[in-house]
mmCIF file of all heavy atoms, coordinates in Angstrom:
data_MODEL
# 
_entry.id   MODEL 
# 
loop_
_atom_site.group_PDB 
_atom_site.id 
_atom_site.type_symbol 
_atom_site.label_atom_id 
_atom_site.label_alt_id 
_atom_site.label_comp_id 
_atom_site.label_asym_id 
_atom_site.label_entity_id 
_atom_site.label_seq_id 
_atom_site.pdbx_PDB_ins_code 
_atom_site.Cartn_x 
_atom_site.Cartn_y 
_atom_site.Cartn_z 
_atom_site.occupancy 
_atom_site.B_iso_or_equiv 
_atom_site.pdbx_formal_charge 
_atom_site.auth_seq_id 
_atom_site.auth_comp_id 
_atom_site.auth_asym_id 
_atom_site.auth_atom_id 
_atom_site.pdbx_PDB_model_num 
ATOM 1   N N   . PHE A 1 1  ? -58.805 -73.332 -5.953  1.00 0.00 ? 1  PHE A N   1 
ATOM 2   C CA  . PHE A 1 1  ? -60.019 -73.863 -5.344  1.00 0.00 ? 1  PHE A CA  1 
ATOM 3   C C   . PHE A 1 1  ? -59.976 -75.389 -5.327  1.00 0.00 ? 1  PHE A C   1 
ATOM 4   O O   . PHE A 1 1  ? -60.297 -76.031 -4.322  1.00 0.00 ? 1  PHE A O   1 
ATOM 5   C CB  . PHE A 1 1  ? -61.243 -73.367 -6.114  1.00 0.00 ? 1  PHE A CB  1 
ATOM 6   C CG  . PHE A 1 1  ? -62.551 -73.866 -5.575  1.00 0.00 ? 1  PHE A CG  1 
ATOM 7   C CD1 . PHE A 1 1  ? -63.186 -73.209 -4.528  1.00 0.00 ? 1  PHE A CD1 1 
ATOM 8   C CD2 . PHE A 1 1  ? -63.162 -74.988 -6.117  1.00 0.00 ? 1  PHE A CD2 1 
ATOM 9   C CE1 . PHE A 1 1  ? -64.402 -73.669 -4.030  1.00 0.00 ? 1  PHE A CE1 1 
ATOM 10  C CE2 . PHE A 1 1  ? -64.372 -75.449 -5.631  1.00 0.00 ? 1  PHE A CE2 1 
ATOM 11  C CZ  . PHE A 1 1  ? -64.996 -74.786 -4.581  1.00 0.00 ? 1  PHE A CZ  1 
ATOM 12  N N   . ALA A 1 2  ? -59.569 -75.981 -6.442  1.00 0.00 ? 2  ALA A N   1 
ATOM 13  C CA  . ALA A 1 2  ? -59.548 -77.439 -6.546  1.00 0.00 ? 2  ALA A CA  1 
ATOM 14  C C   . ALA A 1 2  ? -58.600 -78.062 -5.529  1.00 0.00 ? 2  ALA A C   1 
ATOM 15  O O   . ALA A 1 2  ? -58.909 -79.109 -4.947  1.00 0.00 ? 2  ALA A O   1 
ATOM 16  C CB  . ALA A 1 2  ? -59.150 -77.849 -7.959  1.00 0.00 ? 2  ALA A CB  1 
ATOM 17  N N   . ASP A 1 3  ? -57.457 -77.446 -5.297  1.00 0.00 ? 3  ASP A N   1 
ATOM 18  C CA  . ASP A 1 3  ? -56.485 -78.010 -4.356  1.00 0.00 ? 3  ASP A CA  1 
ATOM 19  C C   . ASP A 1 3  ? -57.031 -78.063 -2.935  1.00 0.00 ? 3  ASP A C   1 
ATOM 20  O O   . ASP A 1 3  ? -56.629 -78.910 -2.134  1.00 0.00 ? 3  ASP A O   1 
ATOM 21  C CB  . ASP A 1 3  ? -55.190 -77.189 -4.377  1.00 0.00 ? 3  ASP A CB  1 
ATOM 22  C CG  . ASP A 1 3  ? -54.345 -77.465 -5.614  1.00 0.00 ? 3  ASP A CG  1 
ATOM 23  O OD1 . ASP A 1 3  ? -54.562 -78.511 -6.253  1.00 0.00 ? 3  ASP A OD1 1 
ATOM 24  O OD2 . ASP A 1 3  ? -53.477 -76.633 -5.931  1.00 0.00 ? 3  ASP A OD2 1 
ATOM 25  N N   . VAL A 1 4  ? -57.943 -77.151 -2.603  1.00 0.00 ? 4  VAL A N   1 
ATOM 26  C CA  . VAL A 1 4  ? -58.541 -77.143 -1.269  1.00 0.00 ? 4  VAL A CA  1 
ATOM 27  C C   . VAL A 1 4  ? -59.697 -78.133 -1.181  1.00 0.00 ? 4  VAL A C   1 
ATOM 28  O O   . VAL A 1 4  ? -59.815 -78.900 -0.227  1.00 0.00 ? 4  VAL A O   1 
ATOM 29  C CB  . VAL A 1 4  ? -59.024 -75.726 -0.903  1.00 0.00 ? 4  VAL A CB  1 
ATOM 30  C CG1 . VAL A 1 4  ? -59.794 -75.739 0.409   1.00 0.00 ? 4  VAL A CG1 1 
ATOM 31  C CG2 . VAL A 1 4  ? -57.844 -74.763 -0.806  1.00 0.00 ? 4  VAL A CG2 1 
ATOM 32  N N   . VAL A 1 5  ? -60.544 -78.135 -2.195  1.00 0.00 ? 5  VAL A N   1 
ATOM 33  C CA  . VAL A 1 5  ? -61.795 -78.882 -2.130  1.00 0.00 ? 5  VAL A CA  1 
ATOM 34  C C   . VAL A 1 5  ? -61.634 -80.358 -2.500  1.00 0.00 ? 5  VAL A C   1 
ATOM 35  O O   . VAL A 1 5  ? -62.242 -81.234 -1.877  1.00 0.00 ? 5  VAL A O   1 
ATOM 36  C CB  . VAL A 1 5  ? -62.842 -78.210 -3.035  1.00 0.00 ? 5  VAL A CB  1 
ATOM 37  C CG1 . VAL A 1 5  ? -64.106 -79.056 -3.148  1.00 0.00 ? 5  VAL A CG1 1 
ATOM 38  C CG2 . VAL A 1 5  ? -63.184 -76.826 -2.501  1.00 0.00 ? 5  VAL A CG2 1 
ATOM 39  N N   . ALA A 1 6  ? -60.824 -80.658 -3.509  1.00 0.00 ? 6  ALA A N   1 
ATOM 40  C CA  . ALA A 1 6  ? -60.744 -82.030 -4.011  1.00 0.00 ? 6  ALA A CA  1 
ATOM 41  C C   . ALA A 1 6  ? -60.359 -83.051 -2.939  1.00 0.00 ? 6  ALA A C   1 
ATOM 42  O O   . ALA A 1 6  ? -60.996 -84.113 -2.851  1.00 0.00 ? 6  ALA A O   1 
ATOM 43  C CB  . ALA A 1 6  ? -59.777 -82.092 -5.187  1.00 0.00 ? 6  ALA A CB  1 
ATOM 44  N N   . PRO A 1 7  ? -59.342 -82.805 -2.109  1.00 0.00 ? 7  PRO A N   1 
ATOM 45  C CA  . PRO A 1 7  ? -59.003 -83.817 -1.093  1.00 0.00 ? 7  PRO A CA  1 
ATOM 46  C C   . PRO A 1 7  ? -60.151 -84.088 -0.126  1.00 0.00 ? 7  PRO A C   1 
ATOM 47  O O   . PRO A 1 7  ? -60.356 -85.234 0.293   1.00 0.00 ? 7  PRO A O   1 
ATOM 48  C CB  . PRO A 1 7  ? -57.796 -83.203 -0.377  1.00 0.00 ? 7  PRO A CB  1 
ATOM 49  C CG  . PRO A 1 7  ? -57.209 -82.248 -1.364  1.00 0.00 ? 7  PRO A CG  1 
ATOM 50  C CD  . PRO A 1 7  ? -58.383 -81.681 -2.102  1.00 0.00 ? 7  PRO A CD  1 
ATOM 51  N N   . ALA A 1 8  ? -60.898 -83.051 0.224   1.00 0.00 ? 8  ALA A N   1 
ATOM 52  C CA  . ALA A 1 8  ? -62.008 -83.225 1.167   1.00 0.00 ? 8  ALA A CA  1 
ATOM 53  C C   . ALA A 1 8  ? -63.129 -84.063 0.578   1.00 0.00 ? 8  ALA A C   1 
ATOM 54  O O   . ALA A 1 8  ? -63.889 -84.692 1.325   1.00 0.00 ? 8  ALA A O   1 
ATOM 55  C CB  . ALA A 1 8  ? -62.552 -81.858 1.586   1.00 0.00 ? 8  ALA A CB  1 
ATOM 56  N N   . LEU A 1 9  ? -63.232 -84.085 -0.738  1.00 0.00 ? 9  LEU A N   1 
ATOM 57  C CA  . LEU A 1 9  ? -64.317 -84.803 -1.397  1.00 0.00 ? 9  LEU A CA  1 
ATOM 58  C C   . LEU A 1 9  ? -63.861 -86.115 -2.027  1.00 0.00 ? 9  LEU A C   1 
ATOM 59  O O   . LEU A 1 9  ? -64.638 -86.777 -2.705  1.00 0.00 ? 9  LEU A O   1 
ATOM 60  C CB  . LEU A 1 9  ? -64.952 -83.918 -2.470  1.00 0.00 ? 9  LEU A CB  1 
ATOM 61  C CG  . LEU A 1 9  ? -65.586 -82.617 -1.974  1.00 0.00 ? 9  LEU A CG  1 
ATOM 62  C CD1 . LEU A 1 9  ? -66.182 -81.839 -3.135  1.00 0.00 ? 9  LEU A CD1 1 
ATOM 63  C CD2 . LEU A 1 9  ? -66.641 -82.903 -0.932  1.00 0.00 ? 9  LEU A CD2 1 
ATOM 64  N N   . GLY A 1 10 ? -62.606 -86.474 -1.836  1.00 0.00 ? 10 GLY A N   1 
ATOM 65  C CA  . GLY A 1 10 ? -62.115 -87.712 -2.420  1.00 0.00 ? 10 GLY A CA  1 
ATOM 66  C C   . GLY A 1 10 ? -62.039 -87.680 -3.924  1.00 0.00 ? 10 GLY A C   1 
ATOM 67  O O   . GLY A 1 10 ? -62.241 -88.686 -4.607  1.00 0.00 ? 10 GLY A O   1 
ATOM 68  N N   . ILE A 1 11 ? -61.733 -86.488 -4.469  1.00 0.00 ? 11 ILE A N   1 
ATOM 69  C CA  . ILE A 1 11 ? -61.644 -86.309 -5.916  1.00 0.00 ? 11 ILE A CA  1 
ATOM 70  C C   . ILE A 1 11 ? -60.183 -86.376 -6.348  1.00 0.00 ? 11 ILE A C   1 
ATOM 71  O O   . ILE A 1 11 ? -59.324 -85.716 -5.768  1.00 0.00 ? 11 ILE A O   1 
ATOM 72  C CB  . ILE A 1 11 ? -62.252 -84.965 -6.348  1.00 0.00 ? 11 ILE A CB  1 
ATOM 73  C CG1 . ILE A 1 11 ? -63.757 -84.942 -6.073  1.00 0.00 ? 11 ILE A CG1 1 
ATOM 74  C CG2 . ILE A 1 11 ? -61.983 -84.690 -7.826  1.00 0.00 ? 11 ILE A CG2 1 
ATOM 75  C CD1 . ILE A 1 11 ? -64.393 -83.586 -6.320  1.00 0.00 ? 11 ILE A CD1 1 
ATOM 76  N N   . ALA A 1 12 ? -59.914 -87.167 -7.368  1.00 0.00 ? 12 ALA A N   1 
ATOM 77  C CA  . ALA A 1 12 ? -58.582 -87.247 -7.963  1.00 0.00 ? 12 ALA A CA  1 
ATOM 78  C C   . ALA A 1 12 ? -58.515 -86.310 -9.155  1.00 0.00 ? 12 ALA A C   1 
ATOM 79  O O   . ALA A 1 12 ? -59.320 -86.421 -10.085 1.00 0.00 ? 12 ALA A O   1 
ATOM 80  C CB  . ALA A 1 12 ? -58.271 -88.671 -8.393  1.00 0.00 ? 12 ALA A CB  1 
ATOM 81  N N   . LEU A 1 13 ? -57.579 -85.373 -9.127  1.00 0.00 ? 13 LEU A N   1 
ATOM 82  C CA  . LEU A 1 13 ? -57.406 -84.401 -10.207 1.00 0.00 ? 13 LEU A CA  1 
ATOM 83  C C   . LEU A 1 13 ? -56.325 -84.889 -11.163 1.00 0.00 ? 13 LEU A C   1 
ATOM 84  O O   . LEU A 1 13 ? -55.163 -85.039 -10.778 1.00 0.00 ? 13 LEU A O   1 
ATOM 85  C CB  . LEU A 1 13 ? -57.012 -83.038 -9.627  1.00 0.00 ? 13 LEU A CB  1 
ATOM 86  C CG  . LEU A 1 13 ? -57.962 -82.428 -8.596  1.00 0.00 ? 13 LEU A CG  1 
ATOM 87  C CD1 . LEU A 1 13 ? -57.334 -81.183 -7.978  1.00 0.00 ? 13 LEU A CD1 1 
ATOM 88  C CD2 . LEU A 1 13 ? -59.313 -82.103 -9.229  1.00 0.00 ? 13 LEU A CD2 1 
ATOM 89  N N   . LEU A 1 14 ? -56.691 -85.118 -12.397 1.00 0.00 ? 14 LEU A N   1 
ATOM 90  C CA  . LEU A 1 14 ? -55.735 -85.595 -13.387 1.00 0.00 ? 14 LEU A CA  1 
ATOM 91  C C   . LEU A 1 14 ? -55.108 -84.428 -14.138 1.00 0.00 ? 14 LEU A C   1 
ATOM 92  O O   . LEU A 1 14 ? -55.786 -83.468 -14.487 1.00 0.00 ? 14 LEU A O   1 
ATOM 93  C CB  . LEU A 1 14 ? -56.421 -86.528 -14.394 1.00 0.00 ? 14 LEU A CB  1 
ATOM 94  C CG  . LEU A 1 14 ? -57.097 -87.779 -13.828 1.00 0.00 ? 14 LEU A CG  1 
ATOM 95  C CD1 . LEU A 1 14 ? -57.686 -88.610 -14.966 1.00 0.00 ? 14 LEU A CD1 1 
ATOM 96  C CD2 . LEU A 1 14 ? -56.124 -88.601 -13.001 1.00 0.00 ? 14 LEU A CD2 1 
ATOM 97  N N   . GLU A 1 15 ? -53.803 -84.521 -14.373 1.00 0.00 ? 15 GLU A N   1 
ATOM 98  C CA  . GLU A 1 15 ? -53.102 -83.500 -15.142 1.00 0.00 ? 15 GLU A CA  1 
ATOM 99  C C   . GLU A 1 15 ? -51.885 -84.113 -15.806 1.00 0.00 ? 15 GLU A C   1 
ATOM 100 O O   . GLU A 1 15 ? -51.424 -85.204 -15.439 1.00 0.00 ? 15 GLU A O   1 
ATOM 101 C CB  . GLU A 1 15 ? -52.686 -82.328 -14.247 1.00 0.00 ? 15 GLU A CB  1 
ATOM 102 C CG  . GLU A 1 15 ? -51.672 -82.687 -13.192 1.00 0.00 ? 15 GLU A CG  1 
ATOM 103 C CD  . GLU A 1 15 ? -51.353 -81.516 -12.270 1.00 0.00 ? 15 GLU A CD  1 
ATOM 104 O OE1 . GLU A 1 15 ? -52.059 -80.498 -12.310 1.00 0.00 ? 15 GLU A OE1 1 
ATOM 105 O OE2 . GLU A 1 15 ? -50.382 -81.631 -11.506 1.00 0.00 ? 15 GLU A OE2 1 
ATOM 106 N N   . ALA A 1 16 ? -51.335 -83.404 -16.790 1.00 0.00 ? 16 ALA A N   1 
ATOM 107 C CA  . ALA A 1 16 ? -50.125 -83.859 -17.469 1.00 0.00 ? 16 ALA A CA  1 
ATOM 108 C C   . ALA A 1 16 ? -48.923 -83.658 -16.559 1.00 0.00 ? 16 ALA A C   1 
ATOM 109 O O   . ALA A 1 16 ? -48.924 -82.768 -15.700 1.00 0.00 ? 16 ALA A O   1 
ATOM 110 C CB  . ALA A 1 16 ? -49.943 -83.081 -18.772 1.00 0.00 ? 16 ALA A CB  1 
ATOM 111 N N   . PRO A 1 17 ? -47.865 -84.461 -16.714 1.00 0.00 ? 17 PRO A N   1 
ATOM 112 C CA  . PRO A 1 17 ? -46.643 -84.223 -15.955 1.00 0.00 ? 17 PRO A CA  1 
ATOM 113 C C   . PRO A 1 17 ? -46.114 -82.812 -16.199 1.00 0.00 ? 17 PRO A C   1 
ATOM 114 O O   . PRO A 1 17 ? -46.295 -82.248 -17.287 1.00 0.00 ? 17 PRO A O   1 
ATOM 115 C CB  . PRO A 1 17 ? -45.666 -85.275 -16.506 1.00 0.00 ? 17 PRO A CB  1 
ATOM 116 C CG  . PRO A 1 17 ? -46.555 -86.361 -17.048 1.00 0.00 ? 17 PRO A CG  1 
ATOM 117 C CD  . PRO A 1 17 ? -47.772 -85.656 -17.582 1.00 0.00 ? 17 PRO A CD  1 
ATOM 118 N N   . ALA A 1 18 ? -45.453 -82.239 -15.196 1.00 0.00 ? 18 ALA A N   1 
ATOM 119 C CA  . ALA A 1 18 ? -44.988 -80.851 -15.302 1.00 0.00 ? 18 ALA A CA  1 
ATOM 120 C C   . ALA A 1 18 ? -44.059 -80.643 -16.497 1.00 0.00 ? 18 ALA A C   1 
ATOM 121 O O   . ALA A 1 18 ? -44.038 -79.569 -17.088 1.00 0.00 ? 18 ALA A O   1 
ATOM 122 C CB  . ALA A 1 18 ? -44.290 -80.446 -14.005 1.00 0.00 ? 18 ALA A CB  1 
ATOM 123 N N   . ASP A 1 19 ? -43.291 -81.674 -16.859 1.00 0.00 ? 19 ASP A N   1 
ATOM 124 C CA  . ASP A 1 19 ? -42.327 -81.527 -17.955 1.00 0.00 ? 19 ASP A CA  1 
ATOM 125 C C   . ASP A 1 19 ? -42.828 -82.137 -19.255 1.00 0.00 ? 19 ASP A C   1 
ATOM 126 O O   . ASP A 1 19 ? -42.040 -82.351 -20.178 1.00 0.00 ? 19 ASP A O   1 
ATOM 127 C CB  . ASP A 1 19 ? -40.984 -82.133 -17.561 1.00 0.00 ? 19 ASP A CB  1 
ATOM 128 C CG  . ASP A 1 19 ? -41.061 -83.644 -17.327 1.00 0.00 ? 19 ASP A CG  1 
ATOM 129 O OD1 . ASP A 1 19 ? -42.205 -84.179 -17.205 1.00 0.00 ? 19 ASP A OD1 1 
ATOM 130 O OD2 . ASP A 1 19 ? -40.007 -84.291 -17.254 1.00 0.00 ? 19 ASP A OD2 1 
ATOM 131 N N   . TRP A 1 20 ? -44.134 -82.403 -19.347 1.00 0.00 ? 20 TRP A N   1 
ATOM 132 C CA  . TRP A 1 20 ? -44.662 -83.093 -20.533 1.00 0.00 ? 20 TRP A CA  1 
ATOM 133 C C   . TRP A 1 20 ? -44.348 -82.339 -21.815 1.00 0.00 ? 20 TRP A C   1 
ATOM 134 O O   . TRP A 1 20 ? -43.857 -82.923 -22.789 1.00 0.00 ? 20 TRP A O   1 
ATOM 135 C CB  . TRP A 1 20 ? -46.174 -83.278 -20.405 1.00 0.00 ? 20 TRP A CB  1 
ATOM 136 C CG  . TRP A 1 20 ? -46.784 -83.969 -21.590 1.00 0.00 ? 20 TRP A CG  1 
ATOM 137 C CD1 . TRP A 1 20 ? -46.738 -85.306 -21.866 1.00 0.00 ? 20 TRP A CD1 1 
ATOM 138 C CD2 . TRP A 1 20 ? -47.496 -83.356 -22.671 1.00 0.00 ? 20 TRP A CD2 1 
ATOM 139 N NE1 . TRP A 1 20 ? -47.393 -85.568 -23.051 1.00 0.00 ? 20 TRP A NE1 1 
ATOM 140 C CE2 . TRP A 1 20 ? -47.867 -84.386 -23.562 1.00 0.00 ? 20 TRP A CE2 1 
ATOM 141 C CE3 . TRP A 1 20 ? -47.872 -82.046 -22.964 1.00 0.00 ? 20 TRP A CE3 1 
ATOM 142 C CZ2 . TRP A 1 20 ? -48.585 -84.143 -24.744 1.00 0.00 ? 20 TRP A CZ2 1 
ATOM 143 C CZ3 . TRP A 1 20 ? -48.585 -81.798 -24.130 1.00 0.00 ? 20 TRP A CZ3 1 
ATOM 144 C CH2 . TRP A 1 20 ? -48.932 -82.829 -25.010 1.00 0.00 ? 20 TRP A CH2 1 
ATOM 145 N N   . LEU A 1 21 ? -44.605 -81.054 -21.831 1.00 0.00 ? 21 LEU A N   1 
ATOM 146 C CA  . LEU A 1 21 ? -44.388 -80.266 -23.043 1.00 0.00 ? 21 LEU A CA  1 
ATOM 147 C C   . LEU A 1 21 ? -42.914 -80.281 -23.445 1.00 0.00 ? 21 LEU A C   1 
ATOM 148 O O   . LEU A 1 21 ? -42.578 -80.370 -24.624 1.00 0.00 ? 21 LEU A O   1 
ATOM 149 C CB  . LEU A 1 21 ? -44.872 -78.836 -22.823 1.00 0.00 ? 21 LEU A CB  1 
ATOM 150 C CG  . LEU A 1 21 ? -44.965 -77.928 -24.054 1.00 0.00 ? 21 LEU A CG  1 
ATOM 151 C CD1 . LEU A 1 21 ? -45.973 -78.471 -25.054 1.00 0.00 ? 21 LEU A CD1 1 
ATOM 152 C CD2 . LEU A 1 21 ? -45.359 -76.510 -23.639 1.00 0.00 ? 21 LEU A CD2 1 
ATOM 153 N N   . ALA A 1 22 ? -42.033 -80.197 -22.453 1.00 0.00 ? 22 ALA A N   1 
ATOM 154 C CA  . ALA A 1 22 ? -40.596 -80.161 -22.730 1.00 0.00 ? 22 ALA A CA  1 
ATOM 155 C C   . ALA A 1 22 ? -40.085 -81.498 -23.266 1.00 0.00 ? 22 ALA A C   1 
ATOM 156 O O   . ALA A 1 22 ? -39.041 -81.535 -23.931 1.00 0.00 ? 22 ALA A O   1 
ATOM 157 C CB  . ALA A 1 22 ? -39.830 -79.787 -21.461 1.00 0.00 ? 22 ALA A CB  1 
ATOM 158 N N   . ARG A 1 23 ? -40.788 -82.576 -22.989 1.00 0.00 ? 23 ARG A N   1 
ATOM 159 C CA  . ARG A 1 23 ? -40.344 -83.897 -23.441 1.00 0.00 ? 23 ARG A CA  1 
ATOM 160 C C   . ARG A 1 23 ? -40.891 -84.283 -24.804 1.00 0.00 ? 23 ARG A C   1 
ATOM 161 O O   . ARG A 1 23 ? -40.521 -85.335 -25.347 1.00 0.00 ? 23 ARG A O   1 
ATOM 162 C CB  . ARG A 1 23 ? -40.736 -84.956 -22.407 1.00 0.00 ? 23 ARG A CB  1 
ATOM 163 C CG  . ARG A 1 23 ? -39.932 -84.862 -21.124 1.00 0.00 ? 23 ARG A CG  1 
ATOM 164 C CD  . ARG A 1 23 ? -40.136 -86.065 -20.218 1.00 0.00 ? 23 ARG A CD  1 
ATOM 165 N NE  . ARG A 1 23 ? -41.420 -86.057 -19.533 1.00 0.00 ? 23 ARG A NE  1 
ATOM 166 C CZ  . ARG A 1 23 ? -42.396 -86.923 -19.777 1.00 0.00 ? 23 ARG A CZ  1 
ATOM 167 N NH1 . ARG A 1 23 ? -42.261 -87.845 -20.709 1.00 0.00 ? 23 ARG A NH1 1 
ATOM 168 N NH2 . ARG A 1 23 ? -43.535 -86.868 -19.096 1.00 0.00 ? 23 ARG A NH2 1 
ATOM 169 N N   . LEU A 1 24 ? -41.763 -83.468 -25.374 1.00 0.00 ? 24 LEU A N   1 
ATOM 170 C CA  . LEU A 1 24 ? -42.283 -83.787 -26.696 1.00 0.00 ? 24 LEU A CA  1 
ATOM 171 C C   . LEU A 1 24 ? -41.200 -83.632 -27.757 1.00 0.00 ? 24 LEU A C   1 
ATOM 172 O O   . LEU A 1 24 ? -40.308 -82.783 -27.631 1.00 0.00 ? 24 LEU A O   1 
ATOM 173 C CB  . LEU A 1 24 ? -43.449 -82.852 -27.043 1.00 0.00 ? 24 LEU A CB  1 
ATOM 174 C CG  . LEU A 1 24 ? -44.764 -83.061 -26.300 1.00 0.00 ? 24 LEU A CG  1 
ATOM 175 C CD1 . LEU A 1 24 ? -45.791 -82.032 -26.771 1.00 0.00 ? 24 LEU A CD1 1 
ATOM 176 C CD2 . LEU A 1 24 ? -45.295 -84.464 -26.478 1.00 0.00 ? 24 LEU A CD2 1 
ATOM 177 N N   . PRO A 1 25 ? -41.272 -84.410 -28.835 1.00 0.00 ? 25 PRO A N   1 
ATOM 178 C CA  . PRO A 1 25 ? -40.297 -84.238 -29.918 1.00 0.00 ? 25 PRO A CA  1 
ATOM 179 C C   . PRO A 1 25 ? -40.463 -82.883 -30.598 1.00 0.00 ? 25 PRO A C   1 
ATOM 180 O O   . PRO A 1 25 ? -41.564 -82.324 -30.646 1.00 0.00 ? 25 PRO A O   1 
ATOM 181 C CB  . PRO A 1 25 ? -40.626 -85.397 -30.869 1.00 0.00 ? 25 PRO A CB  1 
ATOM 182 C CG  . PRO A 1 25 ? -42.018 -85.798 -30.528 1.00 0.00 ? 25 PRO A CG  1 
ATOM 183 C CD  . PRO A 1 25 ? -42.199 -85.530 -29.076 1.00 0.00 ? 25 PRO A CD  1 
ATOM 184 N N   . ARG A 1 26 ? -39.367 -82.383 -31.107 1.00 0.00 ? 26 ARG A N   1 
ATOM 185 C CA  . ARG A 1 26 ? -39.375 -81.067 -31.755 1.00 0.00 ? 26 ARG A CA  1 
ATOM 186 C C   . ARG A 1 26 ? -40.397 -81.004 -32.892 1.00 0.00 ? 26 ARG A C   1 
ATOM 187 O O   . ARG A 1 26 ? -40.976 -79.938 -33.162 1.00 0.00 ? 26 ARG A O   1 
ATOM 188 C CB  . ARG A 1 26 ? -37.962 -80.762 -32.280 1.00 0.00 ? 26 ARG A CB  1 
ATOM 189 C CG  . ARG A 1 26 ? -37.779 -79.408 -32.966 1.00 0.00 ? 26 ARG A CG  1 
ATOM 190 C CD  . ARG A 1 26 ? -37.886 -78.275 -31.982 1.00 0.00 ? 26 ARG A CD  1 
ATOM 191 N NE  . ARG A 1 26 ? -37.618 -76.991 -32.601 1.00 0.00 ? 26 ARG A NE  1 
ATOM 192 C CZ  . ARG A 1 26 ? -36.532 -76.253 -32.389 1.00 0.00 ? 26 ARG A CZ  1 
ATOM 193 N NH1 . ARG A 1 26 ? -35.599 -76.682 -31.553 1.00 0.00 ? 26 ARG A NH1 1 
ATOM 194 N NH2 . ARG A 1 26 ? -36.364 -75.097 -32.973 1.00 0.00 ? 26 ARG A NH2 1 
ATOM 195 N N   . ALA A 1 27 ? -40.681 -82.128 -33.538 1.00 0.00 ? 27 ALA A N   1 
ATOM 196 C CA  . ALA A 1 27 ? -41.641 -82.147 -34.642 1.00 0.00 ? 27 ALA A CA  1 
ATOM 197 C C   . ALA A 1 27 ? -43.038 -81.765 -34.181 1.00 0.00 ? 27 ALA A C   1 
ATOM 198 O O   . ALA A 1 27 ? -43.854 -81.305 -34.986 1.00 0.00 ? 27 ALA A O   1 
ATOM 199 C CB  . ALA A 1 27 ? -41.668 -83.538 -35.272 1.00 0.00 ? 27 ALA A CB  1 
# 
């Protein structure tokens, strides 16, 4: 829903990079 509606309303959707979890340290 957000991908359809947000651009029409000028809304910026913030999210983590796709590989964020994979780049975290093992600790």
